[in-house]
Amino acid sequence: MREWRSGVAREIDKPAFTVLVDSTLAEIAETRPSSVAELARVNGIGPAKIDRYGTTLLELVRAAAGPS
């Protein structure tokens, strides 16, 4: 997820922490949300972040989990 965040930050020409802070990435990795509702419960993820990054974050979590 950090690689993804760095890429997004480069694209928007902003510091990486403006995309998502480390503690939010850690909580996503720990809780492994599988739906938008679960993702919305993560500290640092609000409606704007869900709109911008929600689908991609859920795909990254699914990919990290491996085949089902």
PDB file of N, CA and C in Angstrom:
ATOM      1  N   MET A   1       0.818  -1.190   0.000  1.00  0.00           N
ATOM      2  CA  MET A   1       0.000   0.000   0.000  1.00  0.00           C
ATOM      3  C   MET A   1       0.864   1.257   0.000  1.00  0.00           C
ATOM      4  N   ARG A   2       2.023   1.173   0.616  1.00  0.00           N
ATOM      5  CA  ARG A   2       2.891   2.358   0.614  1.00  0.00           C
ATOM      6  C   ARG A   2       3.366   2.707  -0.791  1.00  0.00           C
ATOM      7  N   GLU A   3       3.655   1.681  -1.595  1.00  0.00           N
ATOM      8  CA  GLU A   3       4.046   1.938  -2.987  1.00  0.00           C
ATOM      9  C   GLU A   3       2.903   2.611  -3.733  1.00  0.00           C
ATOM     10  N   TRP A   4       1.701   2.103  -3.549  1.00  0.00           N
ATOM     11  CA  TRP A   4       0.528   2.697  -4.179  1.00  0.00           C
ATOM     12  C   TRP A   4       0.384   4.146  -3.733  1.00  0.00           C
ATOM     13  N   ARG A   5       0.496   4.395  -2.424  1.00  0.00           N
ATOM     14  CA  ARG A   5       0.348   5.750  -1.890  1.00  0.00           C
ATOM     15  C   ARG A   5       1.401   6.680  -2.481  1.00  0.00           C
ATOM     16  N   SER A   6       2.625   6.212  -2.598  1.00  0.00           N
ATOM     17  CA  SER A   6       3.684   7.040  -3.179  1.00  0.00           C
ATOM     18  C   SER A   6       3.382   7.394  -4.622  1.00  0.00           C
ATOM     19  N   GLY A   7       2.869   6.433  -5.369  1.00  0.00           N
ATOM     20  CA  GLY A   7       2.498   6.691  -6.761  1.00  0.00           C
ATOM     21  C   GLY A   7       1.393   7.724  -6.882  1.00  0.00           C
ATOM     22  N   VAL A   8       0.385   7.596  -6.031  1.00  0.00           N
ATOM     23  CA  VAL A   8      -0.713   8.560  -6.038  1.00  0.00           C
ATOM     24  C   VAL A   8      -0.189   9.940  -5.677  1.00  0.00           C
ATOM     25  N   ALA A   9       0.663  10.011  -4.671  1.00  0.00           N
ATOM     26  CA  ALA A   9       1.222  11.297  -4.236  1.00  0.00           C
ATOM     27  C   ALA A   9       2.010  11.959  -5.366  1.00  0.00           C
ATOM     28  N   ARG A  10       2.774  11.156  -6.098  1.00  0.00           N
ATOM     29  CA  ARG A  10       3.512  11.711  -7.244  1.00  0.00           C
ATOM     30  C   ARG A  10       2.557  12.243  -8.295  1.00  0.00           C
ATOM     31  N   GLU A  11       1.499  11.492  -8.584  1.00  0.00           N
ATOM     32  CA  GLU A  11       0.522  11.907  -9.600  1.00  0.00           C
ATOM     33  C   GLU A  11      -0.141  13.235  -9.251  1.00  0.00           C
ATOM     34  N   ILE A  12      -0.455  13.425  -7.975  1.00  0.00           N
ATOM     35  CA  ILE A  12      -1.153  14.649  -7.570  1.00  0.00           C
ATOM     36  C   ILE A  12      -0.188  15.719  -7.054  1.00  0.00           C
ATOM     37  N   ASP A  13       1.111  15.400  -7.077  1.00  0.00           N
ATOM     38  CA  ASP A  13       2.159  16.333  -6.658  1.00  0.00           C
ATOM     39  C   ASP A  13       1.937  16.856  -5.244  1.00  0.00           C
ATOM     40  N   LYS A  14       1.676  15.910  -4.344  1.00  0.00           N
ATOM     41  CA  LYS A  14       1.468  16.218  -2.926  1.00  0.00           C
ATOM     42  C   LYS A  14       2.294  15.247  -2.099  1.00  0.00           C
ATOM     43  N   PRO A  15       2.556  15.592  -0.834  1.00  0.00           N
ATOM     44  CA  PRO A  15       3.246  14.633   0.045  1.00  0.00           C
ATOM     45  C   PRO A  15       2.390  13.385   0.273  1.00  0.00           C
ATOM     46  N   ALA A  16       3.050  12.255   0.470  1.00  0.00           N
ATOM     47  CA  ALA A  16       2.338  10.975   0.630  1.00  0.00           C
ATOM     48  C   ALA A  16       1.339  11.002   1.781  1.00  0.00           C
ATOM     49  N   PHE A  17       1.675  11.695   2.869  1.00  0.00           N
ATOM     50  CA  PHE A  17       0.766  11.691   4.017  1.00  0.00           C
ATOM     51  C   PHE A  17      -0.564  12.365   3.709  1.00  0.00           C
ATOM     52  N   THR A  18      -0.622  13.165   2.648  1.00  0.00           N
ATOM     53  CA  THR A  18      -1.899  13.792   2.293  1.00  0.00           C
ATOM     54  C   THR A  18      -2.838  12.795   1.622  1.00  0.00           C
ATOM     55  N   VAL A  19      -2.284  11.708   1.112  1.00  0.00           N
ATOM     56  CA  VAL A  19      -3.122  10.652   0.534  1.00  0.00           C
ATOM     57  C   VAL A  19      -3.700   9.849   1.691  1.00  0.00           C
ATOM     58  N   LEU A  20      -2.859   9.200   2.457  1.00  0.00           N
ATOM     59  CA  LEU A  20      -3.238   8.487   3.682  1.00  0.00           C
ATOM     60  C   LEU A  20      -2.023   8.462   4.597  1.00  0.00           C
ATOM     61  N   VAL A  21      -2.241   8.649   5.885  1.00  0.00           N
ATOM     62  CA  VAL A  21      -1.130   8.610   6.842  1.00  0.00           C
ATOM     63  C   VAL A  21      -0.768   7.160   7.157  1.00  0.00           C
ATOM     64  N   ASP A  22       0.435   6.972   7.688  1.00  0.00           N
ATOM     65  CA  ASP A  22       0.932   5.621   7.995  1.00  0.00           C
ATOM     66  C   ASP A  22      -0.006   4.845   8.922  1.00  0.00           C
ATOM     67  N   SER A  23      -0.549   5.524   9.924  1.00  0.00           N
ATOM     68  CA  SER A  23      -1.417   4.812  10.870  1.00  0.00           C
ATOM     69  C   SER A  23      -2.686   4.298  10.186  1.00  0.00           C
ATOM     70  N   THR A  24      -3.181   5.027   9.190  1.00  0.00           N
ATOM     71  CA  THR A  24      -4.359   4.568   8.446  1.00  0.00           C
ATOM     72  C   THR A  24      -4.000   3.351   7.604  1.00  0.00           C
ATOM     73  N   LEU A  25      -2.848   3.400   6.947  1.00  0.00           N
ATOM     74  CA  LEU A  25      -2.406   2.232   6.166  1.00  0.00           C
ATOM     75  C   LEU A  25      -2.234   1.018   7.070  1.00  0.00           C
ATOM     76  N   ALA A  26      -1.672   1.231   8.247  1.00  0.00           N
ATOM     77  CA  ALA A  26      -1.473   0.123   9.190  1.00  0.00           C
ATOM     78  C   ALA A  26      -2.806  -0.463   9.631  1.00  0.00           C
ATOM     79  N   GLU A  27      -3.775   0.393   9.901  1.00  0.00           N
ATOM     80  CA  GLU A  27      -5.088  -0.105  10.326  1.00  0.00           C
ATOM     81  C   GLU A  27      -5.776  -0.872   9.200  1.00  0.00           C
ATOM     82  N   ILE A  28      -5.622  -0.402   7.972  1.00  0.00           N
ATOM     83  CA  ILE A  28      -6.196  -1.130   6.833  1.00  0.00           C
ATOM     84  C   ILE A  28      -5.546  -2.505   6.723  1.00  0.00           C
ATOM     85  N   ALA A  29      -4.228  -2.548   6.857  1.00  0.00           N
ATOM     86  CA  ALA A  29      -3.512  -3.828   6.773  1.00  0.00           C
ATOM     87  C   ALA A  29      -3.920  -4.771   7.898  1.00  0.00           C
ATOM     88  N   GLU A  30      -4.171  -4.213   9.070  1.00  0.00           N
ATOM     89  CA  GLU A  30      -4.536  -5.028  10.223  1.00  0.00           C
ATOM     90  C   GLU A  30      -5.972  -5.535  10.140  1.00  0.00           C
ATOM     91  N   THR A  31      -6.897  -4.655   9.769  1.00  0.00           N
ATOM     92  CA  THR A  31      -8.316  -5.029   9.772  1.00  0.00           C
ATOM     93  C   THR A  31      -8.769  -5.691   8.476  1.00  0.00           C
ATOM     94  N   ARG A  32      -8.039  -5.475   7.402  1.00  0.00           N
ATOM     95  CA  ARG A  32      -8.365  -6.047   6.081  1.00  0.00           C
ATOM     96  C   ARG A  32      -9.842  -5.886   5.710  1.00  0.00           C
ATOM     97  N   PRO A  33     -10.302  -4.655   5.576  1.00  0.00           N
ATOM     98  CA  PRO A  33     -11.710  -4.446   5.223  1.00  0.00           C
ATOM     99  C   PRO A  33     -12.030  -5.066   3.867  1.00  0.00           C
ATOM    100  N   SER A  34     -13.243  -5.593   3.766  1.00  0.00           N
ATOM    101  CA  SER A  34     -13.651  -6.229   2.505  1.00  0.00           C
ATOM    102  C   SER A  34     -14.852  -5.530   1.878  1.00  0.00           C
ATOM    103  N   SER A  35     -15.286  -4.440   2.486  1.00  0.00           N
ATOM    104  CA  SER A  35     -16.416  -3.680   1.932  1.00  0.00           C
ATOM    105  C   SER A  35     -16.201  -2.201   2.217  1.00  0.00           C
ATOM    106  N   VAL A  36     -16.940  -1.379   1.518  1.00  0.00           N
ATOM    107  CA  VAL A  36     -16.864   0.063   1.745  1.00  0.00           C
ATOM    108  C   VAL A  36     -17.275   0.391   3.177  1.00  0.00           C
ATOM    109  N   ALA A  37     -18.283  -0.289   3.692  1.00  0.00           N
ATOM    110  CA  ALA A  37     -18.735  -0.043   5.066  1.00  0.00           C
ATOM    111  C   ALA A  37     -17.623  -0.340   6.073  1.00  0.00           C
ATOM    112  N   GLU A  38     -16.896  -1.432   5.874  1.00  0.00           N
ATOM    113  CA  GLU A  38     -15.788  -1.764   6.769  1.00  0.00           C
ATOM    114  C   GLU A  38     -14.653  -0.755   6.616  1.00  0.00           C
ATOM    115  N   LEU A  39     -14.385  -0.352   5.387  1.00  0.00           N
ATOM    116  CA  LEU A  39     -13.342   0.635   5.130  1.00  0.00           C
ATOM    117  C   LEU A  39     -13.684   1.968   5.799  1.00  0.00           C
ATOM    118  N   ALA A  40     -14.944   2.319   5.803  1.00  0.00           N
ATOM    119  CA  ALA A  40     -15.390   3.582   6.403  1.00  0.00           C
ATOM    120  C   ALA A  40     -15.150   3.615   7.913  1.00  0.00           C
ATOM    121  N   ARG A  41     -15.006   2.466   8.544  1.00  0.00           N
ATOM    122  CA  ARG A  41     -14.755   2.404   9.989  1.00  0.00           C
ATOM    123  C   ARG A  41     -13.288   2.639  10.343  1.00  0.00           C
ATOM    124  N   VAL A  42     -12.414   2.663   9.342  1.00  0.00           N
ATOM    125  CA  VAL A  42     -10.982   2.868   9.579  1.00  0.00           C
ATOM    126  C   VAL A  42     -10.733   4.344   9.869  1.00  0.00           C
ATOM    127  N   ASN A  43      -9.993   4.610  10.944  1.00  0.00           N
ATOM    128  CA  ASN A  43      -9.633   5.993  11.277  1.00  0.00           C
ATOM    129  C   ASN A  43      -8.845   6.612  10.126  1.00  0.00           C
ATOM    130  N   GLY A  44      -9.240   7.809   9.730  1.00  0.00           N
ATOM    131  CA  GLY A  44      -8.547   8.505   8.648  1.00  0.00           C
ATOM    132  C   GLY A  44      -9.186   8.306   7.299  1.00  0.00           C
ATOM    133  N   ILE A  45     -10.242   7.507   7.244  1.00  0.00           N
ATOM    134  CA  ILE A  45     -10.955   7.281   5.991  1.00  0.00           C
ATOM    135  C   ILE A  45     -12.345   7.896   6.118  1.00  0.00           C
ATOM    136  N   GLY A  46     -12.566   8.941   5.380  1.00  0.00           N
ATOM    137  CA  GLY A  46     -13.873   9.586   5.363  1.00  0.00           C
ATOM    138  C   GLY A  46     -14.489   9.462   3.988  1.00  0.00           C
ATOM    139  N   PRO A  47     -15.626  10.108   3.783  1.00  0.00           N
ATOM    140  CA  PRO A  47     -16.319  10.008   2.487  1.00  0.00           C
ATOM    141  C   PRO A  47     -15.458  10.416   1.296  1.00  0.00           C
ATOM    142  N   ALA A  48     -14.673  11.474   1.433  1.00  0.00           N
ATOM    143  CA  ALA A  48     -13.849  11.919   0.305  1.00  0.00           C
ATOM    144  C   ALA A  48     -12.784  10.878  -0.048  1.00  0.00           C
ATOM    145  N   LYS A  49     -12.155  10.295   0.966  1.00  0.00           N
ATOM    146  CA  LYS A  49     -11.119   9.276   0.721  1.00  0.00           C
ATOM    147  C   LYS A  49     -11.750   8.016   0.139  1.00  0.00           C
ATOM    148  N   ILE A  50     -12.946   7.686   0.587  1.00  0.00           N
ATOM    149  CA  ILE A  50     -13.636   6.525   0.030  1.00  0.00           C
ATOM    150  C   ILE A  50     -13.962   6.772  -1.437  1.00  0.00           C
ATOM    151  N   ASP A  51     -14.457   7.969  -1.738  1.00  0.00           N
ATOM    152  CA  ASP A  51     -14.762   8.291  -3.140  1.00  0.00           C
ATOM    153  C   ASP A  51     -13.521   8.210  -4.018  1.00  0.00           C
ATOM    154  N   ARG A  52     -12.411   8.755  -3.523  1.00  0.00           N
ATOM    155  CA  ARG A  52     -11.181   8.792  -4.317  1.00  0.00           C
ATOM    156  C   ARG A  52     -10.466   7.457  -4.382  1.00  0.00           C
ATOM    157  N   TYR A  53     -10.365   6.779  -3.250  1.00  0.00           N
ATOM    158  CA  TYR A  53      -9.461   5.631  -3.156  1.00  0.00           C
ATOM    159  C   TYR A  53     -10.112   4.326  -2.715  1.00  0.00           C
ATOM    160  N   GLY A  54     -11.387   4.347  -2.350  1.00  0.00           N
ATOM    161  CA  GLY A  54     -12.023   3.183  -1.754  1.00  0.00           C
ATOM    162  C   GLY A  54     -11.919   1.914  -2.572  1.00  0.00           C
ATOM    163  N   THR A  55     -12.294   1.986  -3.837  1.00  0.00           N
ATOM    164  CA  THR A  55     -12.263   0.799  -4.686  1.00  0.00           C
ATOM    165  C   THR A  55     -10.846   0.251  -4.805  1.00  0.00           C
ATOM    166  N   THR A  56      -9.898   1.143  -5.021  1.00  0.00           N
ATOM    167  CA  THR A  56      -8.507   0.716  -5.160  1.00  0.00           C
ATOM    168  C   THR A  56      -7.988   0.093  -3.866  1.00  0.00           C
ATOM    169  N   LEU A  57      -8.293   0.698  -2.728  1.00  0.00           N
ATOM    170  CA  LEU A  57      -7.841   0.144  -1.452  1.00  0.00           C
ATOM    171  C   LEU A  57      -8.410  -1.251  -1.215  1.00  0.00           C
ATOM    172  N   LEU A  58      -9.690  -1.420  -1.512  1.00  0.00           N
ATOM    173  CA  LEU A  58     -10.294  -2.753  -1.332  1.00  0.00           C
ATOM    174  C   LEU A  58      -9.648  -3.768  -2.272  1.00  0.00           C
ATOM    175  N   GLU A  59      -9.308  -3.350  -3.494  1.00  0.00           N
ATOM    176  CA  GLU A  59      -8.622  -4.252  -4.431  1.00  0.00           C
ATOM    177  C   GLU A  59      -7.236  -4.617  -3.909  1.00  0.00           C
ATOM    178  N   LEU A  60      -6.527  -3.628  -3.328  1.00  0.00           N
ATOM    179  CA  LEU A  60      -5.198  -3.907  -2.774  1.00  0.00           C
ATOM    180  C   LEU A  60      -5.291  -4.902  -1.601  1.00  0.00           C
ATOM    181  N   VAL A  61      -6.291  -4.741  -0.770  1.00  0.00           N
ATOM    182  CA  VAL A  61      -6.477  -5.660   0.364  1.00  0.00           C
ATOM    183  C   VAL A  61      -6.775  -7.069  -0.167  1.00  0.00           C
ATOM    184  N   ARG A  62      -7.650  -7.157  -1.159  1.00  0.00           N
ATOM    185  CA  ARG A  62      -7.990  -8.467  -1.748  1.00  0.00           C
ATOM    186  C   ARG A  62      -6.763  -9.111  -2.369  1.00  0.00           C
ATOM    187  N   ALA A  63      -5.981  -8.325  -3.103  1.00  0.00           N
ATOM    188  CA  ALA A  63      -4.787  -8.867  -3.759  1.00  0.00           C
ATOM    189  C   ALA A  63      -3.751  -9.349  -2.734  1.00  0.00           C
ATOM    190  N   ALA A  64      -3.635  -8.617  -1.639  1.00  0.00           N
ATOM    191  CA  ALA A  64      -2.669  -9.005  -0.601  1.00  0.00           C
ATOM    192  C   ALA A  64      -3.095 -10.285   0.107  1.00  0.00           C
ATOM    193  N   ALA A  65      -4.402 -10.525   0.144  1.00  0.00           N
ATOM    194  CA  ALA A  65      -4.916 -11.725   0.809  1.00  0.00           C
ATOM    195  C   ALA A  65      -4.659 -12.974  -0.022  1.00  0.00           C
ATOM    196  N   GLY A  66      -4.426 -12.802  -1.308  1.00  0.00           N
ATOM    197  CA  GLY A  66      -4.186 -13.935  -2.195  1.00  0.00           C
ATOM    198  C   GLY A  66      -5.485 -14.530  -2.696  1.00  0.00           C
ATOM    199  N   PRO A  67      -5.367 -15.625  -3.448  1.00  0.00           N
ATOM    200  CA  PRO A  67      -6.573 -16.253  -4.008  1.00  0.00           C
ATOM    201  C   PRO A  67      -7.502 -16.782  -2.906  1.00  0.00           C
ATOM    202  N   SER A  68      -8.803 -16.677  -3.152  1.00  0.00           N
ATOM    203  CA  SER A  68      -9.749 -17.164  -2.147  1.00  0.00           C
ATOM    204  C   SER A  68     -10.072 -18.615  -2.334  1.00  0.00           C
TER     205      SER A  68
END
